[in-house]
């Protein structure tokens, strides 16, 4: 049974995704054009001190409650989870999300702040920042990591598994090595595009709406936060994604709930996400839309996370 005071959704985890019509699906269908610059009611914005500097963060809920740490991907921000954190907080969780170093309101965080300073944003910088953010909550905590951040979460789990209660990988690159090779359009030439050119192409695609077709309000916010995001951070992330470590065996052995969530029209083919979920022993949820179910199916995604978490607490 679920804990008193928590929502009981009564959904079998095998049914994760958008395959049914329920209250969450109806809420998602009626989203309309959201003003993403406005935080959810009751949310608190603050800074988290981490090795690379100070990260812009947002949280909702009681800090003494079990934590859910939601990490956006490259060129994203904490606001990508704005429609999800109220559901999680209402269900009795402390929902914390932050901008990656170099991105939006974490633009001041970077390798020059490390001791000793480094020249580039690298994997360990993002892992150490993530672990510091995770430890600012009640641990072990549930982790939801989006796209590039999914790589960071896997690496962090290998280094500090005791901090994790569950791991959810949202639109995470499903293959190790050159992760762009499976992406439609850019996959065929991604092997010879360097970080600088790749970052420029990625930013152009997002700003022009060619990577994802979004509402006018969403596009305005996406373009606005590019005023702050450091091009060097996007360049270095693109380079890192050309050499993704293979952690599938370590994840397969992980004795905790694992969930792979993906849009039906994601950047990577659904076939690759299915193979990835099978390889690590994770449940798979497929949602309507593209690369961003946290934006287009936030209530359905939150619903499924809460079922996953309730099952974990019942064991």
C-alpha atoms as a PDB file:
ATOM      1  CA  UNK A   1       0.000   0.000   0.000  1.00  0.00           C
ATOM      2  CA  UNK A   2       1.095   3.571  -0.634  1.00  0.00           C
ATOM      3  CA  UNK A   3       2.005   5.772   2.298  1.00  0.00           C
ATOM      4  CA  UNK A   4      -0.828   7.752   3.922  1.00  0.00           C
ATOM      5  CA  UNK A   5      -1.175  11.176   2.351  1.00  0.00           C
ATOM      6  CA  UNK A   6       0.429  10.140  -0.938  1.00  0.00           C
ATOM      7  CA  UNK A   7      -1.478   9.847  -4.193  1.00  0.00           C
ATOM      8  CA  UNK A   8      -2.419   6.329  -5.172  1.00  0.00           C
ATOM      9  CA  UNK A   9      -2.494   6.006  -8.946  1.00  0.00           C
ATOM     10  CA  UNK A  10      -3.114   2.279  -9.148  1.00  0.00           C
ATOM     11  CA  UNK A  11      -1.174   1.886 -12.382  1.00  0.00           C
ATOM     12  CA  UNK A  12       0.918  -1.184 -13.105  1.00  0.00           C
ATOM     13  CA  UNK A  13       4.488  -0.107 -13.993  1.00  0.00           C
ATOM     14  CA  UNK A  14       4.340  -2.320 -17.083  1.00  0.00           C
ATOM     15  CA  UNK A  15       1.844   0.195 -18.454  1.00  0.00           C
ATOM     16  CA  UNK A  16       4.169   3.199 -18.209  1.00  0.00           C
ATOM     17  CA  UNK A  17       3.739   5.693 -21.035  1.00  0.00           C
ATOM     18  CA  UNK A  18       0.892   7.302 -22.977  1.00  0.00           C
ATOM     19  CA  UNK A  19      -0.983   4.170 -23.982  1.00  0.00           C
ATOM     20  CA  UNK A  20      -4.162   5.089 -22.108  1.00  0.00           C
ATOM     21  CA  UNK A  21      -6.464   8.001 -21.393  1.00  0.00           C
ATOM     22  CA  UNK A  22      -6.669   8.983 -17.720  1.00  0.00           C
ATOM     23  CA  UNK A  23      -6.650  12.162 -15.638  1.00  0.00           C
ATOM     24  CA  UNK A  24      -2.938  12.733 -16.267  1.00  0.00           C
ATOM     25  CA  UNK A  25      -3.363  12.323 -20.029  1.00  0.00           C
ATOM     26  CA  UNK A  26      -6.254  14.787 -20.042  1.00  0.00           C
ATOM     27  CA  UNK A  27      -4.158  17.339 -18.177  1.00  0.00           C
ATOM     28  CA  UNK A  28      -1.350  16.930 -20.707  1.00  0.00           C
ATOM     29  CA  UNK A  29      -3.771  17.251 -23.616  1.00  0.00           C
ATOM     30  CA  UNK A  30      -4.954  20.595 -22.248  1.00  0.00           C
ATOM     31  CA  UNK A  31      -1.558  22.182 -21.574  1.00  0.00           C
ATOM     32  CA  UNK A  32      -1.684  24.837 -24.263  1.00  0.00           C
ATOM     33  CA  UNK A  33       1.056  27.446 -24.587  1.00  0.00           C
ATOM     34  CA  UNK A  34       2.880  27.664 -21.238  1.00  0.00           C
ATOM     35  CA  UNK A  35       4.895  30.651 -19.982  1.00  0.00           C
ATOM     36  CA  UNK A  36       8.066  28.780 -18.995  1.00  0.00           C
ATOM     37  CA  UNK A  37       9.662  31.826 -17.403  1.00  0.00           C
ATOM     38  CA  UNK A  38       7.154  31.713 -14.514  1.00  0.00           C
ATOM     39  CA  UNK A  39       8.069  29.235 -11.736  1.00  0.00           C
ATOM     40  CA  UNK A  40       5.409  26.956 -10.257  1.00  0.00           C
ATOM     41  CA  UNK A  41       3.488  28.432  -7.310  1.00  0.00           C
ATOM     42  CA  UNK A  42       5.428  27.888  -4.095  1.00  0.00           C
ATOM     43  CA  UNK A  43       8.686  27.006  -5.835  1.00  0.00           C
ATOM     44  CA  UNK A  44      11.878  28.473  -4.376  1.00  0.00           C
ATOM     45  CA  UNK A  45      14.821  29.619  -6.490  1.00  0.00           C
ATOM     46  CA  UNK A  46      18.292  29.599  -4.982  1.00  0.00           C
ATOM     47  CA  UNK A  47      21.930  28.741  -5.654  1.00  0.00           C
ATOM     48  CA  UNK A  48      23.750  25.504  -4.880  1.00  0.00           C
ATOM     49  CA  UNK A  49      27.480  25.758  -4.240  1.00  0.00           C
ATOM     50  CA  UNK A  50      29.300  22.981  -6.106  1.00  0.00           C
ATOM     51  CA  UNK A  51      32.919  22.421  -7.176  1.00  0.00           C
ATOM     52  CA  UNK A  52      32.520  24.351 -10.453  1.00  0.00           C
ATOM     53  CA  UNK A  53      30.784  27.367  -8.892  1.00  0.00           C
ATOM     54  CA  UNK A  54      27.174  28.178  -8.047  1.00  0.00           C
ATOM     55  CA  UNK A  55      24.299  26.457  -9.845  1.00  0.00           C
ATOM     56  CA  UNK A  56      20.916  28.096 -10.369  1.00  0.00           C
ATOM     57  CA  UNK A  57      18.361  25.805  -8.720  1.00  0.00           C
ATOM     58  CA  UNK A  58      14.638  25.524  -8.066  1.00  0.00           C
ATOM     59  CA  UNK A  59      12.841  23.346  -5.536  1.00  0.00           C
ATOM     60  CA  UNK A  60       9.329  22.617  -4.366  1.00  0.00           C
ATOM     61  CA  UNK A  61       8.235  20.624  -1.342  1.00  0.00           C
ATOM     62  CA  UNK A  62       9.493  19.910   2.150  1.00  0.00           C
ATOM     63  CA  UNK A  63      13.291  19.408   2.242  1.00  0.00           C
ATOM     64  CA  UNK A  64      12.785  16.744   4.919  1.00  0.00           C
ATOM     65  CA  UNK A  65      10.751  14.592   2.508  1.00  0.00           C
ATOM     66  CA  UNK A  66      12.338  11.995   0.206  1.00  0.00           C
ATOM     67  CA  UNK A  67      14.236  13.776  -2.549  1.00  0.00           C
ATOM     68  CA  UNK A  68      13.756  13.691  -6.299  1.00  0.00           C
ATOM     69  CA  UNK A  69      16.610  15.368  -8.182  1.00  0.00           C
ATOM     70  CA  UNK A  70      15.769  16.244 -11.797  1.00  0.00           C
ATOM     71  CA  UNK A  71      18.676  17.208 -14.058  1.00  0.00           C
ATOM     72  CA  UNK A  72      18.187  18.874 -17.464  1.00  0.00           C
ATOM     73  CA  UNK A  73      20.260  18.195 -20.534  1.00  0.00           C
ATOM     74  CA  UNK A  74      22.556  20.294 -22.710  1.00  0.00           C
ATOM     75  CA  UNK A  75      21.125  23.753 -23.587  1.00  0.00           C
ATOM     76  CA  UNK A  76      18.278  23.047 -21.139  1.00  0.00           C
ATOM     77  CA  UNK A  77      17.473  24.378 -17.694  1.00  0.00           C
ATOM     78  CA  UNK A  78      15.616  23.613 -14.478  1.00  0.00           C
ATOM     79  CA  UNK A  79      12.452  25.102 -16.001  1.00  0.00           C
ATOM     80  CA  UNK A  80      12.180  22.040 -18.241  1.00  0.00           C
ATOM     81  CA  UNK A  81      10.704  20.295 -15.175  1.00  0.00           C
ATOM     82  CA  UNK A  82       8.415  23.144 -14.082  1.00  0.00           C
ATOM     83  CA  UNK A  83       5.250  21.207 -14.904  1.00  0.00           C
ATOM     84  CA  UNK A  84       6.411  18.103 -13.045  1.00  0.00           C
ATOM     85  CA  UNK A  85       7.694  19.374  -9.703  1.00  0.00           C
ATOM     86  CA  UNK A  86       4.213  20.348  -8.414  1.00  0.00           C
ATOM     87  CA  UNK A  87       2.961  16.775  -8.935  1.00  0.00           C
ATOM     88  CA  UNK A  88       5.983  15.350  -7.131  1.00  0.00           C
ATOM     89  CA  UNK A  89       5.789  17.827  -4.248  1.00  0.00           C
ATOM     90  CA  UNK A  90       2.048  17.289  -3.812  1.00  0.00           C
ATOM     91  CA  UNK A  91       2.707  13.567  -3.514  1.00  0.00           C
ATOM     92  CA  UNK A  92       5.110  14.160  -0.614  1.00  0.00           C
ATOM     93  CA  UNK A  93       8.505  14.475  -2.306  1.00  0.00           C
ATOM     94  CA  UNK A  94      11.090  17.250  -2.262  1.00  0.00           C
ATOM     95  CA  UNK A  95      11.650  18.033  -5.955  1.00  0.00           C
ATOM     96  CA  UNK A  96      14.962  19.744  -6.735  1.00  0.00           C
ATOM     97  CA  UNK A  97      16.209  20.717 -10.175  1.00  0.00           C
ATOM     98  CA  UNK A  98      19.149  22.835 -11.326  1.00  0.00           C
ATOM     99  CA  UNK A  99      20.881  24.214 -14.413  1.00  0.00           C
ATOM    100  CA  UNK A 100      24.040  22.430 -15.525  1.00  0.00           C
ATOM    101  CA  UNK A 101      27.310  24.322 -15.206  1.00  0.00           C
ATOM    102  CA  UNK A 102      27.638  26.852 -18.017  1.00  0.00           C
ATOM    103  CA  UNK A 103      23.921  26.754 -18.800  1.00  0.00           C
ATOM    104  CA  UNK A 104      21.371  29.557 -18.273  1.00  0.00           C
ATOM    105  CA  UNK A 105      21.454  30.683 -14.607  1.00  0.00           C
ATOM    106  CA  UNK A 106      24.504  28.495 -13.929  1.00  0.00           C
ATOM    107  CA  UNK A 107      26.500  30.299 -16.625  1.00  0.00           C
ATOM    108  CA  UNK A 108      29.113  31.414 -14.097  1.00  0.00           C
ATOM    109  CA  UNK A 109      29.974  27.845 -13.129  1.00  0.00           C
ATOM    110  CA  UNK A 110      32.837  26.384 -15.099  1.00  0.00           C
ATOM    111  CA  UNK A 111      36.206  24.623 -15.182  1.00  0.00           C
ATOM    112  CA  UNK A 112      38.107  27.808 -14.361  1.00  0.00           C
ATOM    113  CA  UNK A 113      36.606  27.645 -10.838  1.00  0.00           C
ATOM    114  CA  UNK A 114      37.948  24.172 -10.065  1.00  0.00           C
ATOM    115  CA  UNK A 115      40.974  23.557  -7.860  1.00  0.00           C
ATOM    116  CA  UNK A 116      43.226  23.356  -9.757  1.00  0.00           C
ATOM    117  CA  UNK A 117      41.508  25.114 -12.704  1.00  0.00           C
ATOM    118  CA  UNK A 118      40.863  23.130 -15.874  1.00  0.00           C
ATOM    119  CA  UNK A 119      40.436  24.300 -19.453  1.00  0.00           C
ATOM    120  CA  UNK A 120      37.284  22.426 -20.428  1.00  0.00           C
ATOM    121  CA  UNK A 121      33.974  21.192 -19.095  1.00  0.00           C
ATOM    122  CA  UNK A 122      34.573  17.461 -18.697  1.00  0.00           C
ATOM    123  CA  UNK A 123      32.591  14.494 -17.440  1.00  0.00           C
ATOM    124  CA  UNK A 124      33.997  14.605 -13.920  1.00  0.00           C
ATOM    125  CA  UNK A 125      33.096  18.282 -13.538  1.00  0.00           C
ATOM    126  CA  UNK A 126      29.440  17.501 -14.219  1.00  0.00           C
ATOM    127  CA  UNK A 127      29.534  14.350 -12.064  1.00  0.00           C
ATOM    128  CA  UNK A 128      31.049  16.181  -9.082  1.00  0.00           C
ATOM    129  CA  UNK A 129      28.501  18.991  -9.424  1.00  0.00           C
ATOM    130  CA  UNK A 130      25.675  16.464  -9.589  1.00  0.00           C
ATOM    131  CA  UNK A 131      26.885  14.602  -6.508  1.00  0.00           C
ATOM    132  CA  UNK A 132      27.083  17.881  -4.572  1.00  0.00           C
ATOM    133  CA  UNK A 133      23.522  18.764  -5.604  1.00  0.00           C
ATOM    134  CA  UNK A 134      22.323  15.275  -4.724  1.00  0.00           C
ATOM    135  CA  UNK A 135      23.892  15.468  -1.286  1.00  0.00           C
ATOM    136  CA  UNK A 136      22.025  18.720  -0.624  1.00  0.00           C
ATOM    137  CA  UNK A 137      18.840  16.617  -0.391  1.00  0.00           C
ATOM    138  CA  UNK A 138      17.807  13.721   1.830  1.00  0.00           C
ATOM    139  CA  UNK A 139      19.720  10.753   0.432  1.00  0.00           C
ATOM    140  CA  UNK A 140      19.369   8.245  -0.993  1.00  0.00           C
ATOM    141  CA  UNK A 141      17.266  10.165  -3.507  1.00  0.00           C
ATOM    142  CA  UNK A 142      15.405   9.405  -6.687  1.00  0.00           C
ATOM    143  CA  UNK A 143      17.176  10.717  -9.798  1.00  0.00           C
ATOM    144  CA  UNK A 144      15.630  11.809 -13.095  1.00  0.00           C
ATOM    145  CA  UNK A 145      18.286  12.691 -15.682  1.00  0.00           C
ATOM    146  CA  UNK A 146      17.443  14.114 -19.105  1.00  0.00           C
ATOM    147  CA  UNK A 147      19.446  13.495 -22.301  1.00  0.00           C
ATOM    148  CA  UNK A 148      23.149  14.347 -21.718  1.00  0.00           C
ATOM    149  CA  UNK A 149      22.514  14.382 -17.958  1.00  0.00           C
ATOM    150  CA  UNK A 150      21.580  10.702 -18.253  1.00  0.00           C
ATOM    151  CA  UNK A 151      25.232   9.958 -18.979  1.00  0.00           C
ATOM    152  CA  UNK A 152      26.260  11.992 -15.931  1.00  0.00           C
ATOM    153  CA  UNK A 153      23.769  10.186 -13.684  1.00  0.00           C
ATOM    154  CA  UNK A 154      25.066   6.781 -14.781  1.00  0.00           C
ATOM    155  CA  UNK A 155      28.658   7.786 -14.068  1.00  0.00           C
ATOM    156  CA  UNK A 156      27.644   9.217 -10.689  1.00  0.00           C
ATOM    157  CA  UNK A 157      25.808   6.003  -9.797  1.00  0.00           C
ATOM    158  CA  UNK A 158      28.923   3.940 -10.522  1.00  0.00           C
ATOM    159  CA  UNK A 159      30.947   6.219  -8.232  1.00  0.00           C
ATOM    160  CA  UNK A 160      28.404   6.700  -5.403  1.00  0.00           C
ATOM    161  CA  UNK A 161      25.600   4.115  -5.683  1.00  0.00           C
ATOM    162  CA  UNK A 162      24.567   4.598  -2.042  1.00  0.00           C
ATOM    163  CA  UNK A 163      23.157   8.043  -2.883  1.00  0.00           C
ATOM    164  CA  UNK A 164      20.557   6.655  -5.321  1.00  0.00           C
ATOM    165  CA  UNK A 165      17.095   5.326  -4.503  1.00  0.00           C
ATOM    166  CA  UNK A 166      16.135   4.934  -8.178  1.00  0.00           C
ATOM    167  CA  UNK A 167      17.398   6.131 -11.550  1.00  0.00           C
ATOM    168  CA  UNK A 168      15.262   7.352 -14.443  1.00  0.00           C
ATOM    169  CA  UNK A 169      16.918   8.118 -17.766  1.00  0.00           C
ATOM    170  CA  UNK A 170      14.833  10.444 -19.923  1.00  0.00           C
ATOM    171  CA  UNK A 171      15.721  10.631 -23.612  1.00  0.00           C
ATOM    172  CA  UNK A 172      19.207   9.453 -22.678  1.00  0.00           C
ATOM    173  CA  UNK A 173      21.652   8.587 -25.482  1.00  0.00           C
ATOM    174  CA  UNK A 174      21.006   4.844 -25.847  1.00  0.00           C
ATOM    175  CA  UNK A 175      24.375   3.832 -27.271  1.00  0.00           C
ATOM    176  CA  UNK A 176      27.934   4.220 -25.943  1.00  0.00           C
ATOM    177  CA  UNK A 177      30.795   5.676 -27.945  1.00  0.00           C
ATOM    178  CA  UNK A 178      29.799   8.153 -30.656  1.00  0.00           C
ATOM    179  CA  UNK A 179      26.270   8.724 -29.349  1.00  0.00           C
ATOM    180  CA  UNK A 180      25.153  10.901 -32.276  1.00  0.00           C
ATOM    181  CA  UNK A 181      25.577   8.124 -34.813  1.00  0.00           C
ATOM    182  CA  UNK A 182      22.002   6.927 -34.329  1.00  0.00           C
ATOM    183  CA  UNK A 183      20.424  10.391 -34.542  1.00  0.00           C
ATOM    184  CA  UNK A 184      18.437  11.108 -37.685  1.00  0.00           C
ATOM    185  CA  UNK A 185      19.798  13.811 -39.996  1.00  0.00           C
ATOM    186  CA  UNK A 186      23.062  14.524 -38.170  1.00  0.00           C
ATOM    187  CA  UNK A 187      24.144  10.958 -37.476  1.00  0.00           C
ATOM    188  CA  UNK A 188      25.761  10.380 -40.836  1.00  0.00           C
ATOM    189  CA  UNK A 189      28.256  13.234 -40.480  1.00  0.00           C
ATOM    190  CA  UNK A 190      28.552  13.574 -36.691  1.00  0.00           C
ATOM    191  CA  UNK A 191      31.782  11.560 -36.596  1.00  0.00           C
ATOM    192  CA  UNK A 192      33.773  14.269 -38.353  1.00  0.00           C
ATOM    193  CA  UNK A 193      32.092  17.378 -36.871  1.00  0.00           C
ATOM    194  CA  UNK A 194      34.194  18.895 -34.071  1.00  0.00           C
ATOM    195  CA  UNK A 195      32.809  20.387 -30.865  1.00  0.00           C
ATOM    196  CA  UNK A 196      32.748  23.965 -32.108  1.00  0.00           C
ATOM    197  CA  UNK A 197      30.897  23.145 -35.322  1.00  0.00           C
ATOM    198  CA  UNK A 198      28.642  20.643 -33.571  1.00  0.00           C
ATOM    199  CA  UNK A 199      27.641  23.179 -30.918  1.00  0.00           C
ATOM    200  CA  UNK A 200      26.900  25.790 -33.564  1.00  0.00           C
ATOM    201  CA  UNK A 201      24.762  23.315 -35.501  1.00  0.00           C
ATOM    202  CA  UNK A 202      22.925  22.205 -32.367  1.00  0.00           C
ATOM    203  CA  UNK A 203      22.187  25.751 -31.218  1.00  0.00           C
ATOM    204  CA  UNK A 204      21.066  26.782 -34.692  1.00  0.00           C
ATOM    205  CA  UNK A 205      18.723  23.794 -34.875  1.00  0.00           C
ATOM    206  CA  UNK A 206      17.176  24.545 -31.490  1.00  0.00           C
ATOM    207  CA  UNK A 207      16.799  28.285 -32.064  1.00  0.00           C
ATOM    208  CA  UNK A 208      15.290  27.776 -35.501  1.00  0.00           C
ATOM    209  CA  UNK A 209      12.831  25.160 -34.255  1.00  0.00           C
ATOM    210  CA  UNK A 210      14.240  22.481 -36.557  1.00  0.00           C
ATOM    211  CA  UNK A 211      15.285  20.160 -33.725  1.00  0.00           C
ATOM    212  CA  UNK A 212      11.895  20.271 -32.012  1.00  0.00           C
ATOM    213  CA  UNK A 213       8.613  21.886 -33.008  1.00  0.00           C
ATOM    214  CA  UNK A 214       7.394  23.702 -29.902  1.00  0.00           C
ATOM    215  CA  UNK A 215       4.801  26.305 -28.978  1.00  0.00           C
ATOM    216  CA  UNK A 216       5.603  30.005 -29.451  1.00  0.00           C
ATOM    217  CA  UNK A 217       5.898  30.533 -25.688  1.00  0.00           C
ATOM    218  CA  UNK A 218       8.334  27.669 -25.360  1.00  0.00           C
ATOM    219  CA  UNK A 219      10.426  28.913 -28.287  1.00  0.00           C
ATOM    220  CA  UNK A 220      10.632  32.405 -26.769  1.00  0.00           C
ATOM    221  CA  UNK A 221      11.949  30.992 -23.506  1.00  0.00           C
ATOM    222  CA  UNK A 222      14.432  28.688 -25.268  1.00  0.00           C
ATOM    223  CA  UNK A 223      15.816  31.587 -27.267  1.00  0.00           C
ATOM    224  CA  UNK A 224      15.938  33.825 -24.178  1.00  0.00           C
ATOM    225  CA  UNK A 225      18.083  31.469 -22.120  1.00  0.00           C
ATOM    226  CA  UNK A 226      20.619  31.223 -24.957  1.00  0.00           C
ATOM    227  CA  UNK A 227      21.546  34.807 -24.050  1.00  0.00           C
ATOM    228  CA  UNK A 228      23.181  33.392 -20.924  1.00  0.00           C
ATOM    229  CA  UNK A 229      24.333  29.860 -21.782  1.00  0.00           C
ATOM    230  CA  UNK A 230      28.047  29.744 -22.482  1.00  0.00           C
ATOM    231  CA  UNK A 231      28.903  28.507 -25.949  1.00  0.00           C
ATOM    232  CA  UNK A 232      31.994  26.792 -24.511  1.00  0.00           C
ATOM    233  CA  UNK A 233      29.830  24.555 -22.324  1.00  0.00           C
ATOM    234  CA  UNK A 234      27.737  23.428 -25.302  1.00  0.00           C
ATOM    235  CA  UNK A 235      30.897  22.881 -27.355  1.00  0.00           C
ATOM    236  CA  UNK A 236      32.471  20.711 -24.665  1.00  0.00           C
ATOM    237  CA  UNK A 237      29.265  18.740 -24.060  1.00  0.00           C
ATOM    238  CA  UNK A 238      28.981  17.992 -27.769  1.00  0.00           C
ATOM    239  CA  UNK A 239      32.556  16.688 -27.684  1.00  0.00           C
ATOM    240  CA  UNK A 240      31.823  14.559 -24.604  1.00  0.00           C
ATOM    241  CA  UNK A 241      28.799  13.012 -26.308  1.00  0.00           C
ATOM    242  CA  UNK A 242      31.090  11.785 -29.053  1.00  0.00           C
ATOM    243  CA  UNK A 243      32.733   9.504 -26.478  1.00  0.00           C
ATOM    244  CA  UNK A 244      30.071   8.117 -24.125  1.00  0.00           C
ATOM    245  CA  UNK A 245      31.313   5.481 -21.641  1.00  0.00           C
ATOM    246  CA  UNK A 246      29.672   2.065 -21.759  1.00  0.00           C
ATOM    247  CA  UNK A 247      28.098   1.581 -18.331  1.00  0.00           C
ATOM    248  CA  UNK A 248      25.370  -0.852 -19.323  1.00  0.00           C
ATOM    249  CA  UNK A 249      26.836  -3.782 -17.390  1.00  0.00           C
ATOM    250  CA  UNK A 250      27.136  -1.711 -14.212  1.00  0.00           C
ATOM    251  CA  UNK A 251      23.555  -0.481 -14.569  1.00  0.00           C
ATOM    252  CA  UNK A 252      22.307  -3.984 -15.262  1.00  0.00           C
ATOM    253  CA  UNK A 253      23.744  -5.094 -11.916  1.00  0.00           C
ATOM    254  CA  UNK A 254      22.245  -2.126 -10.038  1.00  0.00           C
ATOM    255  CA  UNK A 255      19.766  -3.381  -7.387  1.00  0.00           C
ATOM    256  CA  UNK A 256      17.423  -0.405  -7.617  1.00  0.00           C
ATOM    257  CA  UNK A 257      14.390   0.619  -9.708  1.00  0.00           C
ATOM    258  CA  UNK A 258      15.407   1.704 -13.217  1.00  0.00           C
ATOM    259  CA  UNK A 259      13.214   3.448 -15.753  1.00  0.00           C
ATOM    260  CA  UNK A 260      13.910   4.564 -19.336  1.00  0.00           C
ATOM    261  CA  UNK A 261      11.444   7.235 -20.513  1.00  0.00           C
ATOM    262  CA  UNK A 262      11.343   8.447 -24.090  1.00  0.00           C
ATOM    263  CA  UNK A 263       9.159  10.279 -26.579  1.00  0.00           C
ATOM    264  CA  UNK A 264       7.817   8.227 -29.454  1.00  0.00           C
ATOM    265  CA  UNK A 265       9.554  10.601 -31.897  1.00  0.00           C
ATOM    266  CA  UNK A 266      12.796  11.034 -29.979  1.00  0.00           C
ATOM    267  CA  UNK A 267      16.099  12.079 -31.577  1.00  0.00           C
ATOM    268  CA  UNK A 268      17.228   8.453 -31.386  1.00  0.00           C
ATOM    269  CA  UNK A 269      15.086   5.642 -32.853  1.00  0.00           C
ATOM    270  CA  UNK A 270      12.777   3.955 -30.371  1.00  0.00           C
ATOM    271  CA  UNK A 271      14.376   0.619 -31.285  1.00  0.00           C
ATOM    272  CA  UNK A 272      17.671   1.760 -29.731  1.00  0.00           C
ATOM    273  CA  UNK A 273      15.960   2.908 -26.537  1.00  0.00           C
ATOM    274  CA  UNK A 274      14.239  -0.470 -26.221  1.00  0.00           C
ATOM    275  CA  UNK A 275      17.553  -2.266 -26.595  1.00  0.00           C
ATOM    276  CA  UNK A 276      19.128   0.048 -24.015  1.00  0.00           C
ATOM    277  CA  UNK A 277      16.319  -0.545 -21.508  1.00  0.00           C
ATOM    278  CA  UNK A 278      16.618  -4.299 -21.995  1.00  0.00           C
ATOM    279  CA  UNK A 279      20.400  -4.171 -21.572  1.00  0.00           C
ATOM    280  CA  UNK A 280      20.211  -2.430 -18.187  1.00  0.00           C
ATOM    281  CA  UNK A 281      17.084  -4.204 -16.933  1.00  0.00           C
ATOM    282  CA  UNK A 282      14.916  -1.070 -16.877  1.00  0.00           C
ATOM    283  CA  UNK A 283      11.231  -0.535 -17.427  1.00  0.00           C
ATOM    284  CA  UNK A 284      10.421   1.449 -20.568  1.00  0.00           C
ATOM    285  CA  UNK A 285       7.829   4.205 -20.923  1.00  0.00           C
ATOM    286  CA  UNK A 286       6.989   5.728 -24.306  1.00  0.00           C
ATOM    287  CA  UNK A 287       5.189   9.073 -24.392  1.00  0.00           C
ATOM    288  CA  UNK A 288       3.597  11.099 -27.152  1.00  0.00           C
ATOM    289  CA  UNK A 289       5.800  13.730 -28.736  1.00  0.00           C
ATOM    290  CA  UNK A 290       9.508  14.106 -29.299  1.00  0.00           C
ATOM    291  CA  UNK A 291      12.629  14.447 -27.165  1.00  0.00           C
ATOM    292  CA  UNK A 292      10.978  16.204 -24.210  1.00  0.00           C
ATOM    293  CA  UNK A 293       8.245  14.229 -22.406  1.00  0.00           C
ATOM    294  CA  UNK A 294       8.962  16.374 -19.325  1.00  0.00           C
ATOM    295  CA  UNK A 295       7.493  19.268 -21.330  1.00  0.00           C
ATOM    296  CA  UNK A 296       4.847  17.580 -23.477  1.00  0.00           C
ATOM    297  CA  UNK A 297       3.664  14.746 -21.173  1.00  0.00           C
ATOM    298  CA  UNK A 298       4.659  16.037 -17.728  1.00  0.00           C
ATOM    299  CA  UNK A 299       1.646  14.750 -15.801  1.00  0.00           C
ATOM    300  CA  UNK A 300       1.778  11.281 -17.349  1.00  0.00           C
ATOM    301  CA  UNK A 301       5.509  11.096 -16.720  1.00  0.00           C
ATOM    302  CA  UNK A 302       5.067  12.253 -13.103  1.00  0.00           C
ATOM    303  CA  UNK A 303       2.275   9.723 -12.637  1.00  0.00           C
ATOM    304  CA  UNK A 304       4.563   6.904 -13.692  1.00  0.00           C
ATOM    305  CA  UNK A 305       7.437   8.130 -11.530  1.00  0.00           C
ATOM    306  CA  UNK A 306       5.156   8.170  -8.491  1.00  0.00           C
ATOM    307  CA  UNK A 307       4.061   4.610  -9.160  1.00  0.00           C
ATOM    308  CA  UNK A 308       7.704   3.577  -9.443  1.00  0.00           C
ATOM    309  CA  UNK A 309       8.547   5.363  -6.198  1.00  0.00           C
ATOM    310  CA  UNK A 310       5.553   3.937  -4.341  1.00  0.00           C
ATOM    311  CA  UNK A 311       6.573   0.414  -5.326  1.00  0.00           C
ATOM    312  CA  UNK A 312      10.078   1.135  -4.047  1.00  0.00           C
ATOM    313  CA  UNK A 313       8.747   2.345  -0.694  1.00  0.00           C
ATOM    314  CA  UNK A 314       6.501  -0.701  -0.344  1.00  0.00           C
ATOM    315  CA  UNK A 315       9.389  -3.138  -0.639  1.00  0.00           C
END
